[in-house]
Amino acid sequence: MQAANVIAFDKPIVVTEMPVPRPGPGQVLIQVEASGLCHTDIHAARGEWPIKPRLPFVPGHEGVGIIRELGAGVTGRRVGERVAVPWLGSACGTCAYCVSGRETLCAEQSNTGYSVDGCHAQWTVADARYVVPVPDGVPPVEAAPLTCAGVTSYKAVKMSRVRPGEVAAVFGIGGLGHLALQYARIFGAETVAVDVTEEKLRLAALLDADHTVNAAEQDPVEVIMEMGGADVAIVLAAEPAVLEQAHATLRPGGRLVLVSLPKDNEMRLPIFETVLHGLSVIGSIVGTRADLAEVFALHAAGRTEVVCETRPLDEINEAVEDVLSGRVGARLVFTF
């Protein structure tokens, strides 16, 4: 099979021929149809996070495909079923986090395309318990971005505790942000889209954002505070200055939801404003299997739109550069 391989953190990703993996006990073999390119794949391939993947590895955690073989002991899954392979590759299933529905906090988890080989390949194996069925009527190319960008932004909106009529500002309108806007609207919020490119703000307007702010031309803090401030600010851009701007837009009682991961792992947090205004700072990681099932159900019901473009796998390095340069409107998906 063809697969994308990270062989060194300072070298381009290499597309090579590899043997098709075999499913072990409890695993399924999946013929991959589509695999989304997430910014996390880029961080992983460049070794930019404190805990680095073990080389070599196959990235990709937005995989969608058809189960072609069941490993020993697999129940509840069937050959021919379309499933998604998310970031949470597996968890212990018995710790306090797993049993309370917070499996993405499990200390014993494995992560697809990071600690175990992922989906930027024609075939992959996955833990049968942690793949998520894709509903009929949801195309693989649309299901792939929902598997991480969708469930991550959906979880962030849930974590924000946004209520109908509140103002939700989304900073960074890309693969995650264009979906976060839609989920915030589904939850009943008045939405503000903040970005630095007109193309992405036009996309936000097409997705019925109530307000758009070009942060390259206007100070988003001034604009949003003139509106009375935001109840919720969800940050999907990875620049520390953006995180700080988002914090400054909050009205008393507001909630700052941090999703993006700045390379330098820090931001300036004004303590006086946070304490005196009763602000909350919330970290939100990717959603659970249950969250992903909800994301798929919303999409199958026609409540969301996925904006993406497809590429062949052998263009993965060009795709990475396009993402980093901001030339991609929302999400890139490799198809097989």
C-alpha atoms as a PDB file:
ATOM      1  CA  MET A   1       0.000   0.000   0.000  1.00  0.00           C
ATOM      2  CA  GLN A   2       0.926   3.654  -0.312  1.00  0.00           C
ATOM      3  CA  ALA A   3       1.447   5.455   2.979  1.00  0.00           C
ATOM      4  CA  ALA A   4       2.821   8.791   4.156  1.00  0.00           C
ATOM      5  CA  ASN A   5       5.835   8.265   6.410  1.00  0.00           C
ATOM      6  CA  VAL A   6       7.507  10.703   8.764  1.00  0.00           C
ATOM      7  CA  ILE A   7      11.115   9.514   8.887  1.00  0.00           C
ATOM      8  CA  ALA A   8      12.685  12.612  10.485  1.00  0.00           C
ATOM      9  CA  PHE A   9      11.319  15.782  12.057  1.00  0.00           C
ATOM     10  CA  ASP A  10      13.501  18.010   9.875  1.00  0.00           C
ATOM     11  CA  LYS A  11      12.740  16.313   6.547  1.00  0.00           C
ATOM     12  CA  PRO A  12       9.713  16.250   4.210  1.00  0.00           C
ATOM     13  CA  ILE A  13       7.104  13.525   4.635  1.00  0.00           C
ATOM     14  CA  VAL A  14       7.829  10.594   2.323  1.00  0.00           C
ATOM     15  CA  VAL A  15       5.113   8.633   0.489  1.00  0.00           C
ATOM     16  CA  THR A  16       6.357   5.045   0.284  1.00  0.00           C
ATOM     17  CA  GLU A  17       5.177   1.506  -0.356  1.00  0.00           C
ATOM     18  CA  MET A  18       4.481  -0.424   2.858  1.00  0.00           C
ATOM     19  CA  PRO A  19       2.965  -3.812   3.619  1.00  0.00           C
ATOM     20  CA  VAL A  20      -0.753  -3.782   4.344  1.00  0.00           C
ATOM     21  CA  PRO A  21      -1.039  -4.128   8.154  1.00  0.00           C
ATOM     22  CA  ARG A  22      -2.789  -7.113   9.685  1.00  0.00           C
ATOM     23  CA  PRO A  23      -5.435  -6.669  12.388  1.00  0.00           C
ATOM     24  CA  GLY A  24      -4.452  -8.004  15.786  1.00  0.00           C
ATOM     25  CA  PRO A  25      -6.867  -9.157  18.500  1.00  0.00           C
ATOM     26  CA  GLY A  26      -9.565  -6.547  19.057  1.00  0.00           C
ATOM     27  CA  GLN A  27      -8.638  -4.651  15.898  1.00  0.00           C
ATOM     28  CA  VAL A  28     -10.227  -4.066  12.508  1.00  0.00           C
ATOM     29  CA  LEU A  29      -8.539  -3.651   9.131  1.00  0.00           C
ATOM     30  CA  ILE A  30      -9.872  -0.602   7.286  1.00  0.00           C
ATOM     31  CA  GLN A  31      -9.561   0.307   3.628  1.00  0.00           C
ATOM     32  CA  VAL A  32      -9.192   4.087   3.859  1.00  0.00           C
ATOM     33  CA  GLU A  33     -11.375   6.193   1.575  1.00  0.00           C
ATOM     34  CA  ALA A  34     -10.569   9.666   2.886  1.00  0.00           C
ATOM     35  CA  SER A  35      -8.177  11.157   5.440  1.00  0.00           C
ATOM     36  CA  GLY A  36      -8.230  14.803   6.526  1.00  0.00           C
ATOM     37  CA  LEU A  37      -5.101  16.864   7.052  1.00  0.00           C
ATOM     38  CA  CYS A  38      -5.125  18.419  10.529  1.00  0.00           C
ATOM     39  CA  HIS A  39      -2.673  21.001  11.854  1.00  0.00           C
ATOM     40  CA  THR A  40      -1.786  18.427  14.513  1.00  0.00           C
ATOM     41  CA  ASP A  41      -0.376  16.241  11.717  1.00  0.00           C
ATOM     42  CA  ILE A  42       2.011  19.071  10.895  1.00  0.00           C
ATOM     43  CA  HIS A  43       3.063  19.558  14.517  1.00  0.00           C
ATOM     44  CA  ALA A  44       3.623  15.800  14.758  1.00  0.00           C
ATOM     45  CA  ALA A  45       5.649  15.589  11.540  1.00  0.00           C
ATOM     46  CA  ARG A  46       7.877  18.446  12.701  1.00  0.00           C
ATOM     47  CA  GLY A  47       8.256  17.253  16.290  1.00  0.00           C
ATOM     48  CA  GLU A  48       6.981  20.574  17.617  1.00  0.00           C
ATOM     49  CA  TRP A  49       5.279  19.345  20.773  1.00  0.00           C
ATOM     50  CA  PRO A  50       7.014  18.382  24.038  1.00  0.00           C
ATOM     51  CA  ILE A  51       6.111  14.685  23.677  1.00  0.00           C
ATOM     52  CA  LYS A  52       7.211  13.654  20.214  1.00  0.00           C
ATOM     53  CA  PRO A  53       6.027  10.641  18.184  1.00  0.00           C
ATOM     54  CA  ARG A  54       8.372   7.708  17.821  1.00  0.00           C
ATOM     55  CA  LEU A  55       9.954   7.669  14.352  1.00  0.00           C
ATOM     56  CA  PRO A  56       9.059   6.503  11.775  1.00  0.00           C
ATOM     57  CA  PHE A  57       5.277   6.833  11.842  1.00  0.00           C
ATOM     58  CA  VAL A  58       2.239   7.337   9.635  1.00  0.00           C
ATOM     59  CA  PRO A  59       0.277  10.501  10.571  1.00  0.00           C
ATOM     60  CA  GLY A  60      -3.440  11.150  10.129  1.00  0.00           C
ATOM     61  CA  HIS A  61      -6.349  10.972  12.587  1.00  0.00           C
ATOM     62  CA  GLU A  62      -9.314  11.961  10.416  1.00  0.00           C
ATOM     63  CA  GLY A  63      -9.631   8.639   8.630  1.00  0.00           C
ATOM     64  CA  VAL A  64     -12.793   7.212   7.127  1.00  0.00           C
ATOM     65  CA  GLY A  65     -13.064   3.879   5.383  1.00  0.00           C
ATOM     66  CA  ILE A  66     -14.590   0.432   5.087  1.00  0.00           C
ATOM     67  CA  ILE A  67     -13.888  -2.440   7.474  1.00  0.00           C
ATOM     68  CA  ARG A  68     -12.484  -5.313   5.417  1.00  0.00           C
ATOM     69  CA  GLU A  69     -11.353  -7.730   8.143  1.00  0.00           C
ATOM     70  CA  LEU A  70     -12.038  -8.342  11.821  1.00  0.00           C
ATOM     71  CA  GLY A  71      -9.321  -9.345  14.258  1.00  0.00           C
ATOM     72  CA  ALA A  72      -9.800 -12.066  16.817  1.00  0.00           C
ATOM     73  CA  GLY A  73     -12.439 -11.348  19.438  1.00  0.00           C
ATOM     74  CA  VAL A  74     -14.036  -8.354  17.706  1.00  0.00           C
ATOM     75  CA  THR A  75     -17.739  -7.940  18.351  1.00  0.00           C
ATOM     76  CA  GLY A  76     -20.116  -5.129  17.499  1.00  0.00           C
ATOM     77  CA  ARG A  77     -18.438  -4.291  14.201  1.00  0.00           C
ATOM     78  CA  ARG A  78     -18.908  -5.950  10.800  1.00  0.00           C
ATOM     79  CA  VAL A  79     -17.092  -6.319   7.505  1.00  0.00           C
ATOM     80  CA  GLY A  80     -18.360  -3.765   4.994  1.00  0.00           C
ATOM     81  CA  GLU A  81     -19.210  -1.148   7.632  1.00  0.00           C
ATOM     82  CA  ARG A  82     -18.013   2.445   7.094  1.00  0.00           C
ATOM     83  CA  VAL A  83     -16.294   3.834  10.187  1.00  0.00           C
ATOM     84  CA  ALA A  84     -14.252   6.827  11.265  1.00  0.00           C
ATOM     85  CA  VAL A  85     -10.862   6.518  12.972  1.00  0.00           C
ATOM     86  CA  PRO A  86     -10.442   9.475  15.368  1.00  0.00           C
ATOM     87  CA  TRP A  87      -7.581  10.951  17.392  1.00  0.00           C
ATOM     88  CA  LEU A  88      -8.502   8.827  20.408  1.00  0.00           C
ATOM     89  CA  GLY A  89      -7.169   5.509  19.188  1.00  0.00           C
ATOM     90  CA  SER A  90      -7.878   3.714  22.459  1.00  0.00           C
ATOM     91  CA  ALA A  91      -8.109   4.273  26.208  1.00  0.00           C
ATOM     92  CA  CYS A  92      -7.925   2.042  29.275  1.00  0.00           C
ATOM     93  CA  GLY A  93     -11.705   1.943  29.722  1.00  0.00           C
ATOM     94  CA  THR A  94     -11.502   1.550  33.502  1.00  0.00           C
ATOM     95  CA  CYS A  95     -10.041   4.742  34.996  1.00  0.00           C
ATOM     96  CA  ALA A  96     -12.191   7.459  36.590  1.00  0.00           C
ATOM     97  CA  TYR A  97     -12.091   9.510  33.380  1.00  0.00           C
ATOM     98  CA  CYS A  98     -13.107   6.652  31.107  1.00  0.00           C
ATOM     99  CA  VAL A  99     -15.998   5.487  33.255  1.00  0.00           C
ATOM    100  CA  SER A 100     -17.318   9.042  33.703  1.00  0.00           C
ATOM    101  CA  GLY A 101     -17.490   9.787  29.984  1.00  0.00           C
ATOM    102  CA  ARG A 102     -14.220  11.756  29.854  1.00  0.00           C
ATOM    103  CA  GLU A 103     -12.164   9.162  28.006  1.00  0.00           C
ATOM    104  CA  THR A 104     -10.106  11.795  26.156  1.00  0.00           C
ATOM    105  CA  LEU A 105      -8.406  12.591  29.503  1.00  0.00           C
ATOM    106  CA  CYS A 106      -7.309   8.991  30.079  1.00  0.00           C
ATOM    107  CA  ALA A 107      -3.607   8.800  30.961  1.00  0.00           C
ATOM    108  CA  GLU A 108      -3.268   5.455  29.179  1.00  0.00           C
ATOM    109  CA  GLN A 109      -4.738   6.544  25.838  1.00  0.00           C
ATOM    110  CA  SER A 110      -3.143   5.980  22.457  1.00  0.00           C
ATOM    111  CA  ASN A 111      -3.499   8.577  19.734  1.00  0.00           C
ATOM    112  CA  THR A 112      -4.022   7.798  16.070  1.00  0.00           C
ATOM    113  CA  GLY A 113      -1.273   9.121  13.828  1.00  0.00           C
ATOM    114  CA  TYR A 114       0.874  10.023  16.821  1.00  0.00           C
ATOM    115  CA  SER A 115       1.534   7.136  19.179  1.00  0.00           C
ATOM    116  CA  VAL A 116       0.162   4.559  16.712  1.00  0.00           C
ATOM    117  CA  ASP A 117       0.202   4.652  12.911  1.00  0.00           C
ATOM    118  CA  GLY A 118      -2.604   6.677  11.412  1.00  0.00           C
ATOM    119  CA  CYS A 119      -4.739   7.109   8.336  1.00  0.00           C
ATOM    120  CA  HIS A 120      -2.640   8.879   5.696  1.00  0.00           C
ATOM    121  CA  ALA A 121      -2.401   5.500   3.998  1.00  0.00           C
ATOM    122  CA  GLN A 122      -4.503   3.244   1.814  1.00  0.00           C
ATOM    123  CA  TRP A 123      -5.051   0.793   4.701  1.00  0.00           C
ATOM    124  CA  THR A 124      -4.940   1.101   8.477  1.00  0.00           C
ATOM    125  CA  VAL A 125      -5.750  -0.934  11.560  1.00  0.00           C
ATOM    126  CA  ALA A 126      -7.657   0.434  14.541  1.00  0.00           C
ATOM    127  CA  ASP A 127      -9.086  -0.650  17.874  1.00  0.00           C
ATOM    128  CA  ALA A 128     -12.591  -1.874  17.073  1.00  0.00           C
ATOM    129  CA  ARG A 129     -13.997  -0.317  20.268  1.00  0.00           C
ATOM    130  CA  TYR A 130     -12.911   3.211  19.326  1.00  0.00           C
ATOM    131  CA  VAL A 131     -13.911   3.500  15.682  1.00  0.00           C
ATOM    132  CA  VAL A 132     -17.221   5.306  15.149  1.00  0.00           C
ATOM    133  CA  PRO A 133     -19.830   4.272  12.551  1.00  0.00           C
ATOM    134  CA  VAL A 134     -20.502   6.828   9.816  1.00  0.00           C
ATOM    135  CA  PRO A 135     -24.233   7.208   9.069  1.00  0.00           C
ATOM    136  CA  ASP A 136     -25.590   6.428   5.633  1.00  0.00           C
ATOM    137  CA  GLY A 137     -25.771   9.580   3.548  1.00  0.00           C
ATOM    138  CA  VAL A 138     -22.619  11.159   4.985  1.00  0.00           C
ATOM    139  CA  PRO A 139     -19.930  10.987   2.258  1.00  0.00           C
ATOM    140  CA  PRO A 140     -16.426   9.919   3.350  1.00  0.00           C
ATOM    141  CA  VAL A 141     -14.883  13.212   2.198  1.00  0.00           C
ATOM    142  CA  GLU A 142     -17.238  15.112   4.520  1.00  0.00           C
ATOM    143  CA  ALA A 143     -17.029  12.609   7.359  1.00  0.00           C
ATOM    144  CA  ALA A 144     -13.226  12.848   7.484  1.00  0.00           C
ATOM    145  CA  PRO A 145     -12.997  16.493   8.669  1.00  0.00           C
ATOM    146  CA  LEU A 146     -15.850  15.907  11.109  1.00  0.00           C
ATOM    147  CA  THR A 147     -13.750  13.168  12.737  1.00  0.00           C
ATOM    148  CA  CYS A 148     -11.408  15.751  14.285  1.00  0.00           C
ATOM    149  CA  ALA A 149     -12.167  19.320  13.165  1.00  0.00           C
ATOM    150  CA  GLY A 150     -15.867  18.699  13.707  1.00  0.00           C
ATOM    151  CA  VAL A 151     -15.773  16.880  17.016  1.00  0.00           C
ATOM    152  CA  THR A 152     -13.084  19.186  18.431  1.00  0.00           C
ATOM    153  CA  SER A 153     -15.007  22.374  17.635  1.00  0.00           C
ATOM    154  CA  TYR A 154     -18.293  20.769  18.749  1.00  0.00           C
ATOM    155  CA  LYS A 155     -16.735  19.824  22.086  1.00  0.00           C
ATOM    156  CA  ALA A 156     -15.392  23.365  22.498  1.00  0.00           C
ATOM    157  CA  VAL A 157     -18.874  24.810  22.019  1.00  0.00           C
ATOM    158  CA  LYS A 158     -20.275  22.313  24.538  1.00  0.00           C
ATOM    159  CA  MET A 159     -17.504  23.155  27.022  1.00  0.00           C
ATOM    160  CA  SER A 160     -18.274  26.875  26.647  1.00  0.00           C
ATOM    161  CA  ARG A 161     -21.735  26.323  28.114  1.00  0.00           C
ATOM    162  CA  VAL A 162     -23.074  28.863  25.631  1.00  0.00           C
ATOM    163  CA  ARG A 163     -26.790  29.565  26.009  1.00  0.00           C
ATOM    164  CA  PRO A 164     -29.355  30.779  23.470  1.00  0.00           C
ATOM    165  CA  GLY A 165     -29.039  34.518  22.927  1.00  0.00           C
ATOM    166  CA  GLU A 166     -25.467  34.775  24.195  1.00  0.00           C
ATOM    167  CA  VAL A 167     -22.673  36.150  21.999  1.00  0.00           C
ATOM    168  CA  ALA A 168     -20.044  33.629  20.895  1.00  0.00           C
ATOM    169  CA  ALA A 169     -16.895  34.899  19.164  1.00  0.00           C
ATOM    170  CA  VAL A 170     -14.856  32.394  17.148  1.00  0.00           C
ATOM    171  CA  PHE A 171     -11.224  33.378  16.548  1.00  0.00           C
ATOM    172  CA  GLY A 172      -9.803  31.612  13.484  1.00  0.00           C
ATOM    173  CA  ILE A 173     -12.151  30.588  10.684  1.00  0.00           C
ATOM    174  CA  GLY A 174     -10.576  27.554   9.096  1.00  0.00           C
ATOM    175  CA  GLY A 175     -11.047  23.811   9.280  1.00  0.00           C
ATOM    176  CA  LEU A 176     -12.268  23.996  12.886  1.00  0.00           C
ATOM    177  CA  GLY A 177     -13.569  27.527  12.977  1.00  0.00           C
ATOM    178  CA  HIS A 178     -16.065  27.212  10.133  1.00  0.00           C
ATOM    179  CA  LEU A 179     -17.620  24.296  11.994  1.00  0.00           C
ATOM    180  CA  ALA A 180     -17.465  25.966  15.421  1.00  0.00           C
ATOM    181  CA  LEU A 181     -19.523  28.837  14.009  1.00  0.00           C
ATOM    182  CA  GLN A 182     -22.195  26.409  12.875  1.00  0.00           C
ATOM    183  CA  TYR A 183     -22.324  24.572  16.196  1.00  0.00           C
ATOM    184  CA  ALA A 184     -22.563  27.857  18.107  1.00  0.00           C
ATOM    185  CA  ARG A 185     -25.533  28.827  15.949  1.00  0.00           C
ATOM    186  CA  ILE A 186     -27.137  25.426  16.547  1.00  0.00           C
ATOM    187  CA  PHE A 187     -26.787  26.101  20.286  1.00  0.00           C
ATOM    188  CA  GLY A 188     -28.622  29.397  19.764  1.00  0.00           C
ATOM    189  CA  ALA A 189     -25.745  31.880  20.023  1.00  0.00           C
ATOM    190  CA  GLU A 190     -25.257  35.165  18.211  1.00  0.00           C
ATOM    191  CA  THR A 191     -21.965  34.553  16.401  1.00  0.00           C
ATOM    192  CA  VAL A 192     -18.936  36.718  15.652  1.00  0.00           C
ATOM    193  CA  ALA A 193     -16.300  35.417  13.217  1.00  0.00           C
ATOM    194  CA  VAL A 194     -12.778  36.814  13.619  1.00  0.00           C
ATOM    195  CA  ASP A 195     -10.007  36.202  11.105  1.00  0.00           C
ATOM    196  CA  VAL A 196      -7.310  38.054   9.164  1.00  0.00           C
ATOM    197  CA  THR A 197      -8.324  37.061   5.633  1.00  0.00           C
ATOM    198  CA  GLU A 198     -11.331  38.270   3.696  1.00  0.00           C
ATOM    199  CA  GLU A 199     -11.756  34.885   2.016  1.00  0.00           C
ATOM    200  CA  LYS A 200     -12.374  33.162   5.338  1.00  0.00           C
ATOM    201  CA  LEU A 201     -14.654  35.936   6.518  1.00  0.00           C
ATOM    202  CA  ARG A 202     -16.688  35.595   3.322  1.00  0.00           C
ATOM    203  CA  LEU A 203     -16.977  31.893   4.135  1.00  0.00           C
ATOM    204  CA  ALA A 204     -18.178  32.803   7.627  1.00  0.00           C
ATOM    205  CA  ALA A 205     -20.798  35.109   6.129  1.00  0.00           C
ATOM    206  CA  LEU A 206     -21.974  32.336   3.805  1.00  0.00           C
ATOM    207  CA  LEU A 207     -22.368  30.152   6.897  1.00  0.00           C
ATOM    208  CA  ASP A 208     -24.636  32.825   8.423  1.00  0.00           C
ATOM    209  CA  ALA A 209     -22.246  34.327  10.966  1.00  0.00           C
ATOM    210  CA  ASP A 210     -24.063  37.290  12.506  1.00  0.00           C
ATOM    211  CA  HIS A 211     -20.929  39.490  12.501  1.00  0.00           C
ATOM    212  CA  THR A 212     -17.475  39.310  10.914  1.00  0.00           C
ATOM    213  CA  VAL A 213     -14.313  41.114  12.024  1.00  0.00           C
ATOM    214  CA  ASN A 214     -11.152  41.413   9.930  1.00  0.00           C
ATOM    215  CA  ALA A 215      -8.459  41.486  12.606  1.00  0.00           C
ATOM    216  CA  ALA A 216      -5.888  42.622  10.036  1.00  0.00           C
ATOM    217  CA  GLU A 217      -7.823  45.860   9.541  1.00  0.00           C
ATOM    218  CA  GLN A 218      -9.701  46.354  12.818  1.00  0.00           C
ATOM    219  CA  ASP A 219      -8.952  45.766  16.477  1.00  0.00           C
ATOM    220  CA  PRO A 220     -11.273  42.860  17.335  1.00  0.00           C
ATOM    221  CA  VAL A 221     -11.266  43.857  21.006  1.00  0.00           C
ATOM    222  CA  GLU A 222     -12.602  47.324  20.194  1.00  0.00           C
ATOM    223  CA  VAL A 223     -15.169  46.021  17.712  1.00  0.00           C
ATOM    224  CA  ILE A 224     -16.538  43.293  19.986  1.00  0.00           C
ATOM    225  CA  MET A 225     -16.517  45.474  23.098  1.00  0.00           C
ATOM    226  CA  GLU A 226     -18.509  48.108  21.189  1.00  0.00           C
ATOM    227  CA  MET A 227     -21.102  45.336  20.738  1.00  0.00           C
ATOM    228  CA  GLY A 228     -21.150  44.836  24.504  1.00  0.00           C
ATOM    229  CA  GLY A 229     -18.520  42.098  24.626  1.00  0.00           C
ATOM    230  CA  ALA A 230     -18.684  38.348  24.138  1.00  0.00           C
ATOM    231  CA  ASP A 231     -20.091  35.803  26.553  1.00  0.00           C
ATOM    232  CA  VAL A 232     -17.908  33.129  24.973  1.00  0.00           C
ATOM    233  CA  ALA A 233     -14.655  33.357  23.008  1.00  0.00           C
ATOM    234  CA  ILE A 234     -13.439  30.174  21.329  1.00  0.00           C
ATOM    235  CA  VAL A 235      -9.839  30.353  20.113  1.00  0.00           C
ATOM    236  CA  LEU A 236      -8.831  28.177  17.180  1.00  0.00           C
ATOM    237  CA  ALA A 237      -5.817  30.223  16.038  1.00  0.00           C
ATOM    238  CA  ALA A 238      -2.450  29.349  17.556  1.00  0.00           C
ATOM    239  CA  GLU A 239      -0.892  32.793  18.026  1.00  0.00           C
ATOM    240  CA  PRO A 240      -0.581  33.864  21.691  1.00  0.00           C
ATOM    241  CA  ALA A 241      -1.645  37.411  20.751  1.00  0.00           C
ATOM    242  CA  VAL A 242      -4.947  36.032  19.465  1.00  0.00           C
ATOM    243  CA  LEU A 243      -5.569  34.181  22.728  1.00  0.00           C
ATOM    244  CA  GLU A 244      -4.975  37.403  24.622  1.00  0.00           C
ATOM    245  CA  GLN A 245      -7.264  39.381  22.304  1.00  0.00           C
ATOM    246  CA  ALA A 246     -10.012  36.822  22.807  1.00  0.00           C
ATOM    247  CA  HIS A 247      -9.692  37.110  26.590  1.00  0.00           C
ATOM    248  CA  ALA A 248      -9.974  40.900  26.322  1.00  0.00           C
ATOM    249  CA  THR A 249     -13.289  40.692  24.424  1.00  0.00           C
ATOM    250  CA  LEU A 250     -15.133  38.965  27.267  1.00  0.00           C
ATOM    251  CA  ARG A 251     -17.872  40.676  29.228  1.00  0.00           C
ATOM    252  CA  PRO A 252     -18.183  39.915  32.976  1.00  0.00           C
ATOM    253  CA  GLY A 253     -18.917  36.233  33.532  1.00  0.00           C
ATOM    254  CA  GLY A 254     -17.480  35.334  30.128  1.00  0.00           C
ATOM    255  CA  ARG A 255     -15.748  32.077  29.206  1.00  0.00           C
ATOM    256  CA  LEU A 256     -12.529  31.774  27.225  1.00  0.00           C
ATOM    257  CA  VAL A 257     -12.208  28.356  25.555  1.00  0.00           C
ATOM    258  CA  LEU A 258      -8.689  27.412  24.483  1.00  0.00           C
ATOM    259  CA  VAL A 259      -8.414  24.807  21.738  1.00  0.00           C
ATOM    260  CA  SER A 260      -5.360  25.709  19.658  1.00  0.00           C
ATOM    261  CA  LEU A 261      -1.886  24.873  20.933  1.00  0.00           C
ATOM    262  CA  PRO A 262       0.726  27.644  20.496  1.00  0.00           C
ATOM    263  CA  LYS A 263       4.174  26.347  19.685  1.00  0.00           C
ATOM    264  CA  ASP A 264       5.725  28.192  22.657  1.00  0.00           C
ATOM    265  CA  ASN A 265       3.072  26.860  25.061  1.00  0.00           C
ATOM    266  CA  GLU A 266       2.241  30.153  26.727  1.00  0.00           C
ATOM    267  CA  MET A 267       0.027  33.235  26.787  1.00  0.00           C
ATOM    268  CA  ARG A 268      -0.228  36.293  29.013  1.00  0.00           C
ATOM    269  CA  LEU A 269      -3.220  36.022  31.343  1.00  0.00           C
ATOM    270  CA  PRO A 270      -4.369  39.252  33.045  1.00  0.00           C
ATOM    271  CA  ILE A 271      -5.193  38.110  36.576  1.00  0.00           C
ATOM    272  CA  PHE A 272      -6.968  41.244  37.813  1.00  0.00           C
ATOM    273  CA  GLU A 273      -9.420  41.268  34.881  1.00  0.00           C
ATOM    274  CA  THR A 274      -9.972  37.522  35.163  1.00  0.00           C
ATOM    275  CA  VAL A 275     -10.719  37.647  38.879  1.00  0.00           C
ATOM    276  CA  LEU A 276     -12.661  40.912  39.095  1.00  0.00           C
ATOM    277  CA  HIS A 277     -14.837  40.109  36.073  1.00  0.00           C
ATOM    278  CA  GLY A 278     -15.441  36.502  37.090  1.00  0.00           C
ATOM    279  CA  LEU A 279     -14.001  35.125  33.863  1.00  0.00           C
ATOM    280  CA  SER A 280     -13.392  31.416  33.206  1.00  0.00           C
ATOM    281  CA  VAL A 281     -10.523  29.949  31.193  1.00  0.00           C
ATOM    282  CA  ILE A 282     -11.407  26.502  29.842  1.00  0.00           C
ATOM    283  CA  GLY A 283      -9.180  24.033  28.036  1.00  0.00           C
ATOM    284  CA  SER A 284     -11.031  21.853  25.541  1.00  0.00           C
ATOM    285  CA  ILE A 285      -9.508  18.831  23.889  1.00  0.00           C
ATOM    286  CA  VAL A 286     -11.039  16.630  21.198  1.00  0.00           C
ATOM    287  CA  GLY A 287     -14.459  15.096  21.872  1.00  0.00           C
ATOM    288  CA  THR A 288     -15.313  11.512  22.789  1.00  0.00           C
ATOM    289  CA  ARG A 289     -16.861   8.746  20.697  1.00  0.00           C
ATOM    290  CA  ALA A 290     -20.270   9.871  21.935  1.00  0.00           C
ATOM    291  CA  ASP A 291     -19.534  13.453  20.854  1.00  0.00           C
ATOM    292  CA  LEU A 292     -18.470  12.254  17.405  1.00  0.00           C
ATOM    293  CA  ALA A 293     -21.682  10.245  17.034  1.00  0.00           C
ATOM    294  CA  GLU A 294     -23.611  13.457  17.787  1.00  0.00           C
ATOM    295  CA  VAL A 295     -21.551  15.367  15.221  1.00  0.00           C
ATOM    296  CA  PHE A 296     -22.321  12.767  12.564  1.00  0.00           C
ATOM    297  CA  ALA A 297     -26.017  12.820  13.485  1.00  0.00           C
ATOM    298  CA  LEU A 298     -26.187  16.593  13.090  1.00  0.00           C
ATOM    299  CA  HIS A 299     -24.501  16.399   9.708  1.00  0.00           C
ATOM    300  CA  ALA A 300     -26.724  13.550   8.523  1.00  0.00           C
ATOM    301  CA  ALA A 301     -29.715  15.710   9.484  1.00  0.00           C
ATOM    302  CA  GLY A 302     -28.450  18.523   7.249  1.00  0.00           C
ATOM    303  CA  ARG A 303     -27.606  20.868  10.129  1.00  0.00           C
ATOM    304  CA  THR A 304     -23.952  21.444   9.168  1.00  0.00           C
ATOM    305  CA  GLU A 305     -21.872  22.028   6.062  1.00  0.00           C
ATOM    306  CA  VAL A 306     -18.291  20.818   5.617  1.00  0.00           C
ATOM    307  CA  VAL A 307     -16.094  22.997   3.425  1.00  0.00           C
ATOM    308  CA  CYS A 308     -13.112  21.056   2.104  1.00  0.00           C
ATOM    309  CA  GLU A 309     -11.043  20.243  -0.950  1.00  0.00           C
ATOM    310  CA  THR A 310      -9.414  16.977  -1.928  1.00  0.00           C
ATOM    311  CA  ARG A 311      -5.808  16.143  -2.791  1.00  0.00           C
ATOM    312  CA  PRO A 312      -3.921  12.959  -3.714  1.00  0.00           C
ATOM    313  CA  LEU A 313      -1.647  11.606  -0.991  1.00  0.00           C
ATOM    314  CA  ASP A 314       1.514  12.161  -3.028  1.00  0.00           C
ATOM    315  CA  GLU A 315       0.929  15.924  -2.696  1.00  0.00           C
ATOM    316  CA  ILE A 316       1.080  15.829   1.101  1.00  0.00           C
ATOM    317  CA  ASN A 317       4.088  18.140   1.425  1.00  0.00           C
ATOM    318  CA  GLU A 318       2.535  20.733  -0.882  1.00  0.00           C
ATOM    319  CA  ALA A 319      -0.674  20.395   1.139  1.00  0.00           C
ATOM    320  CA  VAL A 320       1.214  21.077   4.362  1.00  0.00           C
ATOM    321  CA  GLU A 321       2.710  24.240   2.895  1.00  0.00           C
ATOM    322  CA  ASP A 322      -0.697  25.384   1.689  1.00  0.00           C
ATOM    323  CA  VAL A 323      -2.124  24.945   5.188  1.00  0.00           C
ATOM    324  CA  LEU A 324       0.769  26.807   6.813  1.00  0.00           C
ATOM    325  CA  SER A 325       0.547  29.691   4.354  1.00  0.00           C
ATOM    326  CA  GLY A 326      -3.203  30.097   4.851  1.00  0.00           C
ATOM    327  CA  ARG A 327      -3.997  29.235   1.235  1.00  0.00           C
ATOM    328  CA  VAL A 328      -6.596  26.650   2.301  1.00  0.00           C
ATOM    329  CA  GLY A 329     -10.138  27.900   2.871  1.00  0.00           C
ATOM    330  CA  ALA A 330     -11.112  25.235   5.405  1.00  0.00           C
ATOM    331  CA  ARG A 331      -9.984  21.574   5.301  1.00  0.00           C
ATOM    332  CA  LEU A 332      -7.850  19.441   2.973  1.00  0.00           C
ATOM    333  CA  VAL A 333      -8.749  15.783   2.560  1.00  0.00           C
ATOM    334  CA  PHE A 334      -6.617  13.071   0.947  1.00  0.00           C
ATOM    335  CA  THR A 335      -8.652  10.601  -1.079  1.00  0.00           C
ATOM    336  CA  PHE A 336      -7.738   7.056  -2.148  1.00  0.00           C
END
